[in-house]
Amino acid sequence: MPNIPRTTKYKWLRKVKDKSKSYSESKYAKLYNTTQWRRLRLIHLKDNPLCVMCKENNRVTAGKVVDHIKPVSEGGSFTDTRNLQTLCDKHHRIKSAKETNRRKKVKNKGD
């Protein structure tokens, strides 16, 4: 994002730091850049090219995301193929948002 001087009236363009951890800051982010994960992902997509949630709704959609059914941060295995599913971008965003909201609720209950 470009550096915008404070005198600019486009305040909404300034980067706002989110207090929640972003994906890129998580301790698991580095695992997704390993050769092992890249190979596993390609093999999984070759064997399972369609979004599993779209298939449940009788739709045929190519999946682009290899998703962990049980999140690694919650104890799911990173490389176990039984913990992987193929999702389209839309369904991955929906699933991730639900998981994030659930984690926030659990965290807030613990406070």
N, C-alpha and C. Protein backbone atom coordinates (compact mmCIF):
# COMPACT_ATOMS: atom_id res chain seq x y z
N MET A 1 0.85 -1.17 0.00
CA MET A 1 0.00 0.00 0.00
C MET A 1 0.90 1.24 0.00
N PRO A 2 0.55 2.23 -0.82
CA PRO A 2 1.38 3.43 -0.89
C PRO A 2 1.31 4.21 0.41
N ASN A 3 2.37 4.94 0.67
CA ASN A 3 2.41 5.79 1.85
C ASN A 3 1.59 7.04 1.55
N ILE A 4 0.56 7.27 2.35
CA ILE A 4 -0.32 8.40 2.13
C ILE A 4 -0.08 9.42 3.24
N PRO A 5 0.23 10.64 2.86
CA PRO A 5 0.48 11.66 3.88
C PRO A 5 -0.76 11.90 4.73
N ARG A 6 -0.53 12.33 5.96
CA ARG A 6 -1.64 12.56 6.89
C ARG A 6 -2.56 13.69 6.43
N THR A 7 -2.06 14.55 5.58
CA THR A 7 -2.89 15.66 5.10
C THR A 7 -3.92 15.20 4.07
N THR A 8 -3.75 14.00 3.58
CA THR A 8 -4.67 13.49 2.57
C THR A 8 -6.04 13.26 3.18
N LYS A 9 -7.07 13.59 2.45
CA LYS A 9 -8.42 13.42 2.97
C LYS A 9 -8.91 11.97 2.84
N TYR A 10 -8.10 11.10 2.24
CA TYR A 10 -8.49 9.70 2.08
C TYR A 10 -8.04 8.88 3.28
N LYS A 11 -8.58 9.18 4.43
CA LYS A 11 -8.19 8.49 5.66
C LYS A 11 -8.49 7.00 5.59
N TRP A 12 -9.53 6.63 4.86
CA TRP A 12 -9.92 5.23 4.77
C TRP A 12 -8.87 4.39 4.06
N LEU A 13 -7.96 5.03 3.34
CA LEU A 13 -6.92 4.28 2.64
C LEU A 13 -5.76 3.88 3.55
N ARG A 14 -5.63 4.57 4.68
CA ARG A 14 -4.53 4.24 5.58
C ARG A 14 -4.68 2.84 6.13
N LYS A 15 -3.58 2.19 6.25
CA LYS A 15 -3.59 0.81 6.74
C LYS A 15 -3.92 0.79 8.23
N VAL A 16 -4.92 0.00 8.59
CA VAL A 16 -5.31 -0.14 9.99
C VAL A 16 -4.81 -1.48 10.47
N LYS A 17 -4.07 -1.46 11.56
CA LYS A 17 -3.52 -2.70 12.09
C LYS A 17 -4.60 -3.45 12.86
N ASP A 18 -4.84 -4.67 12.43
CA ASP A 18 -5.81 -5.52 13.10
C ASP A 18 -5.15 -6.15 14.30
N LYS A 19 -5.85 -6.16 15.43
CA LYS A 19 -5.27 -6.70 16.65
C LYS A 19 -5.27 -8.22 16.65
N SER A 20 -6.11 -8.84 15.81
CA SER A 20 -6.12 -10.29 15.76
C SER A 20 -4.95 -10.76 14.89
N LYS A 21 -4.47 -11.97 15.15
CA LYS A 21 -3.35 -12.50 14.38
C LYS A 21 -3.79 -12.77 12.96
N SER A 22 -3.01 -12.32 12.03
CA SER A 22 -3.31 -12.64 10.64
C SER A 22 -2.65 -13.97 10.30
N TYR A 23 -3.10 -14.55 9.20
CA TYR A 23 -2.57 -15.84 8.77
C TYR A 23 -1.06 -15.78 8.61
N SER A 24 -0.57 -14.72 7.98
CA SER A 24 0.86 -14.64 7.68
C SER A 24 1.72 -14.53 8.94
N GLU A 25 1.12 -14.15 10.07
CA GLU A 25 1.86 -14.04 11.31
C GLU A 25 1.77 -15.29 12.17
N SER A 26 0.92 -16.23 11.76
CA SER A 26 0.73 -17.42 12.59
C SER A 26 1.96 -18.31 12.55
N LYS A 27 2.10 -19.12 13.58
CA LYS A 27 3.27 -20.00 13.64
C LYS A 27 3.19 -21.13 12.61
N TYR A 28 2.05 -21.31 11.97
CA TYR A 28 1.89 -22.38 10.99
C TYR A 28 2.13 -21.90 9.56
N ALA A 29 2.21 -20.59 9.35
CA ALA A 29 2.32 -20.04 8.00
C ALA A 29 3.53 -20.57 7.25
N LYS A 30 4.65 -20.76 7.94
CA LYS A 30 5.87 -21.23 7.27
C LYS A 30 5.70 -22.64 6.71
N LEU A 31 4.85 -23.43 7.32
CA LEU A 31 4.65 -24.81 6.85
C LEU A 31 4.09 -24.85 5.43
N TYR A 32 3.30 -23.83 5.07
CA TYR A 32 2.68 -23.81 3.74
C TYR A 32 3.69 -23.48 2.63
N ASN A 33 4.87 -23.05 2.99
CA ASN A 33 5.89 -22.75 1.99
C ASN A 33 6.92 -23.87 1.83
N THR A 34 6.66 -25.00 2.45
CA THR A 34 7.62 -26.11 2.35
C THR A 34 7.36 -26.93 1.10
N THR A 35 8.40 -27.59 0.63
CA THR A 35 8.29 -28.47 -0.54
C THR A 35 7.32 -29.61 -0.24
N GLN A 36 7.36 -30.12 0.97
CA GLN A 36 6.47 -31.23 1.34
C GLN A 36 5.00 -30.82 1.17
N TRP A 37 4.63 -29.64 1.66
CA TRP A 37 3.24 -29.21 1.54
C TRP A 37 2.86 -28.97 0.08
N ARG A 38 3.74 -28.34 -0.67
CA ARG A 38 3.43 -28.06 -2.09
C ARG A 38 3.19 -29.34 -2.87
N ARG A 39 4.01 -30.35 -2.62
CA ARG A 39 3.81 -31.65 -3.30
C ARG A 39 2.50 -32.29 -2.87
N LEU A 40 2.26 -32.31 -1.57
CA LEU A 40 1.05 -32.91 -1.04
C LEU A 40 -0.18 -32.22 -1.60
N ARG A 41 -0.15 -30.90 -1.67
CA ARG A 41 -1.26 -30.11 -2.20
C ARG A 41 -1.54 -30.46 -3.66
N LEU A 42 -0.49 -30.53 -4.47
CA LEU A 42 -0.67 -30.85 -5.89
C LEU A 42 -1.23 -32.25 -6.08
N ILE A 43 -0.73 -33.20 -5.32
CA ILE A 43 -1.24 -34.57 -5.40
C ILE A 43 -2.71 -34.61 -4.99
N HIS A 44 -3.04 -33.92 -3.90
CA HIS A 44 -4.42 -33.91 -3.42
C HIS A 44 -5.36 -33.30 -4.46
N LEU A 45 -4.96 -32.18 -5.06
CA LEU A 45 -5.79 -31.53 -6.07
C LEU A 45 -5.95 -32.39 -7.32
N LYS A 46 -4.92 -33.14 -7.66
CA LYS A 46 -5.00 -34.03 -8.82
C LYS A 46 -6.01 -35.15 -8.55
N ASP A 47 -5.97 -35.70 -7.35
CA ASP A 47 -6.87 -36.80 -6.99
C ASP A 47 -8.27 -36.32 -6.62
N ASN A 48 -8.40 -35.09 -6.16
CA ASN A 48 -9.68 -34.54 -5.69
C ASN A 48 -9.87 -33.13 -6.26
N PRO A 49 -10.18 -33.00 -7.53
CA PRO A 49 -10.21 -31.68 -8.16
C PRO A 49 -11.45 -30.84 -7.87
N LEU A 50 -12.51 -31.44 -7.33
CA LEU A 50 -13.77 -30.70 -7.15
C LEU A 50 -14.00 -30.29 -5.70
N CYS A 51 -14.66 -29.15 -5.54
CA CYS A 51 -15.02 -28.64 -4.21
C CYS A 51 -16.01 -29.60 -3.56
N VAL A 52 -15.69 -30.08 -2.35
CA VAL A 52 -16.55 -31.05 -1.68
C VAL A 52 -17.88 -30.43 -1.26
N MET A 53 -17.90 -29.16 -0.90
CA MET A 53 -19.15 -28.52 -0.48
C MET A 53 -20.06 -28.25 -1.67
N CYS A 54 -19.49 -27.91 -2.80
CA CYS A 54 -20.29 -27.73 -4.00
C CYS A 54 -20.89 -29.08 -4.43
N LYS A 55 -20.08 -30.15 -4.33
CA LYS A 55 -20.59 -31.48 -4.69
C LYS A 55 -21.77 -31.86 -3.83
N GLU A 56 -21.73 -31.50 -2.52
CA GLU A 56 -22.85 -31.80 -1.63
C GLU A 56 -24.13 -31.10 -2.08
N ASN A 57 -23.99 -29.97 -2.78
CA ASN A 57 -25.13 -29.21 -3.29
C ASN A 57 -25.39 -29.48 -4.76
N ASN A 58 -24.87 -30.61 -5.25
CA ASN A 58 -25.05 -31.04 -6.65
C ASN A 58 -24.54 -30.00 -7.65
N ARG A 59 -23.43 -29.37 -7.31
CA ARG A 59 -22.79 -28.43 -8.22
C ARG A 59 -21.39 -28.94 -8.52
N VAL A 60 -20.93 -28.67 -9.71
CA VAL A 60 -19.58 -29.07 -10.10
C VAL A 60 -18.73 -27.81 -10.19
N THR A 61 -17.80 -27.69 -9.25
CA THR A 61 -16.92 -26.53 -9.19
C THR A 61 -15.50 -27.01 -8.92
N ALA A 62 -14.58 -26.51 -9.71
CA ALA A 62 -13.17 -26.86 -9.49
C ALA A 62 -12.70 -26.25 -8.18
N GLY A 63 -12.04 -27.05 -7.38
CA GLY A 63 -11.50 -26.55 -6.12
C GLY A 63 -10.09 -26.04 -6.33
N LYS A 64 -9.75 -24.97 -5.63
CA LYS A 64 -8.41 -24.40 -5.74
C LYS A 64 -7.67 -24.47 -4.42
N VAL A 65 -8.40 -24.71 -3.34
CA VAL A 65 -7.81 -24.66 -2.01
C VAL A 65 -7.83 -26.05 -1.38
N VAL A 66 -6.69 -26.45 -0.85
CA VAL A 66 -6.63 -27.68 -0.06
C VAL A 66 -6.74 -27.24 1.39
N ASP A 67 -7.85 -27.61 2.00
CA ASP A 67 -8.21 -27.15 3.34
C ASP A 67 -8.03 -28.26 4.36
N HIS A 68 -7.62 -27.87 5.57
CA HIS A 68 -7.55 -28.82 6.67
C HIS A 68 -8.93 -28.92 7.31
N ILE A 69 -9.52 -30.09 7.32
CA ILE A 69 -10.85 -30.29 7.87
C ILE A 69 -10.85 -29.85 9.34
N LYS A 70 -9.93 -30.39 10.11
CA LYS A 70 -9.73 -29.93 11.48
C LYS A 70 -8.50 -29.03 11.45
N PRO A 71 -8.66 -27.76 11.78
CA PRO A 71 -7.55 -26.82 11.69
C PRO A 71 -6.31 -27.30 12.46
N VAL A 72 -5.17 -27.05 11.90
CA VAL A 72 -3.90 -27.44 12.52
C VAL A 72 -3.77 -26.76 13.88
N SER A 73 -4.25 -25.53 13.98
CA SER A 73 -4.17 -24.79 15.24
C SER A 73 -5.04 -25.42 16.34
N GLU A 74 -5.96 -26.30 15.94
CA GLU A 74 -6.82 -26.97 16.89
C GLU A 74 -6.46 -28.45 17.03
N GLY A 75 -5.28 -28.81 16.57
CA GLY A 75 -4.81 -30.17 16.75
C GLY A 75 -4.91 -31.07 15.54
N GLY A 76 -5.39 -30.55 14.43
CA GLY A 76 -5.49 -31.34 13.21
C GLY A 76 -4.12 -31.60 12.61
N SER A 77 -3.98 -32.74 11.96
CA SER A 77 -2.70 -33.09 11.35
C SER A 77 -2.45 -32.24 10.11
N PHE A 78 -1.23 -31.78 9.96
CA PHE A 78 -0.88 -30.94 8.82
C PHE A 78 -0.75 -31.74 7.53
N THR A 79 -0.21 -32.96 7.62
CA THR A 79 0.09 -33.72 6.41
C THR A 79 -0.75 -34.98 6.24
N ASP A 80 -1.63 -35.30 7.17
CA ASP A 80 -2.47 -36.50 7.05
C ASP A 80 -3.54 -36.24 5.99
N THR A 81 -3.55 -37.04 4.95
CA THR A 81 -4.49 -36.83 3.85
C THR A 81 -5.94 -36.99 4.28
N ARG A 82 -6.18 -37.69 5.39
CA ARG A 82 -7.55 -37.83 5.89
C ARG A 82 -8.06 -36.52 6.49
N ASN A 83 -7.17 -35.57 6.72
CA ASN A 83 -7.56 -34.28 7.27
C ASN A 83 -7.61 -33.19 6.20
N LEU A 84 -7.57 -33.58 4.94
CA LEU A 84 -7.57 -32.62 3.84
C LEU A 84 -8.84 -32.73 3.00
N GLN A 85 -9.29 -31.60 2.51
CA GLN A 85 -10.42 -31.56 1.59
C GLN A 85 -10.20 -30.44 0.59
N THR A 86 -10.77 -30.59 -0.58
CA THR A 86 -10.67 -29.57 -1.61
C THR A 86 -11.88 -28.66 -1.53
N LEU A 87 -11.63 -27.35 -1.55
CA LEU A 87 -12.70 -26.37 -1.52
C LEU A 87 -12.48 -25.31 -2.60
N CYS A 88 -13.58 -24.73 -3.06
CA CYS A 88 -13.47 -23.56 -3.94
C CYS A 88 -13.18 -22.35 -3.03
N ASP A 89 -12.81 -21.24 -3.63
CA ASP A 89 -12.48 -20.05 -2.85
C ASP A 89 -13.65 -19.60 -1.96
N LYS A 90 -14.85 -19.62 -2.53
CA LYS A 90 -16.03 -19.16 -1.79
C LYS A 90 -16.25 -19.99 -0.53
N HIS A 91 -16.25 -21.31 -0.67
CA HIS A 91 -16.50 -22.17 0.49
C HIS A 91 -15.34 -22.13 1.49
N HIS A 92 -14.13 -21.91 1.01
CA HIS A 92 -13.01 -21.80 1.94
C HIS A 92 -13.14 -20.53 2.79
N ARG A 93 -13.55 -19.43 2.17
CA ARG A 93 -13.76 -18.19 2.92
C ARG A 93 -14.85 -18.36 3.97
N ILE A 94 -15.94 -19.02 3.59
CA ILE A 94 -17.05 -19.25 4.53
C ILE A 94 -16.59 -20.10 5.70
N LYS A 95 -15.90 -21.20 5.41
CA LYS A 95 -15.44 -22.10 6.47
C LYS A 95 -14.44 -21.39 7.39
N SER A 96 -13.51 -20.66 6.81
CA SER A 96 -12.50 -19.95 7.60
C SER A 96 -13.14 -18.89 8.49
N ALA A 97 -14.13 -18.19 7.97
CA ALA A 97 -14.81 -17.15 8.76
C ALA A 97 -15.54 -17.78 9.95
N LYS A 98 -16.19 -18.91 9.73
CA LYS A 98 -16.88 -19.61 10.83
C LYS A 98 -15.89 -20.05 11.90
N GLU A 99 -14.74 -20.58 11.47
CA GLU A 99 -13.72 -21.03 12.43
C GLU A 99 -13.17 -19.85 13.23
N THR A 100 -12.94 -18.75 12.56
CA THR A 100 -12.41 -17.56 13.23
C THR A 100 -13.42 -17.04 14.25
N ASN A 101 -14.67 -16.97 13.86
CA ASN A 101 -15.71 -16.49 14.78
C ASN A 101 -15.85 -17.42 15.98
N ARG A 102 -15.77 -18.72 15.75
CA ARG A 102 -15.87 -19.68 16.85
C ARG A 102 -14.70 -19.50 17.82
N ARG A 103 -13.49 -19.33 17.28
CA ARG A 103 -12.32 -19.12 18.14
C ARG A 103 -12.45 -17.84 18.96
N LYS A 104 -12.98 -16.78 18.34
CA LYS A 104 -13.16 -15.51 19.06
C LYS A 104 -14.16 -15.67 20.20
N LYS A 105 -15.25 -16.42 19.94
CA LYS A 105 -16.24 -16.64 20.99
C LYS A 105 -15.65 -17.42 22.14
N VAL A 106 -14.87 -18.44 21.84
CA VAL A 106 -14.24 -19.25 22.89
C VAL A 106 -13.26 -18.40 23.68
N LYS A 107 -12.50 -17.57 22.98
CA LYS A 107 -11.52 -16.70 23.64
C LYS A 107 -12.22 -15.71 24.56
N ASN A 108 -13.33 -15.14 24.08
CA ASN A 108 -14.07 -14.15 24.88
C ASN A 108 -14.71 -14.79 26.11
N LYS A 109 -15.14 -16.03 26.00
CA LYS A 109 -15.72 -16.72 27.15
C LYS A 109 -14.67 -16.96 28.23
N GLY A 110 -13.43 -17.19 27.78
CA GLY A 110 -12.35 -17.46 28.72
C GLY A 110 -11.84 -16.23 29.44
N ASP A 111 -12.15 -15.05 28.92
CA ASP A 111 -11.67 -13.80 29.54
C ASP A 111 -12.44 -13.44 30.77
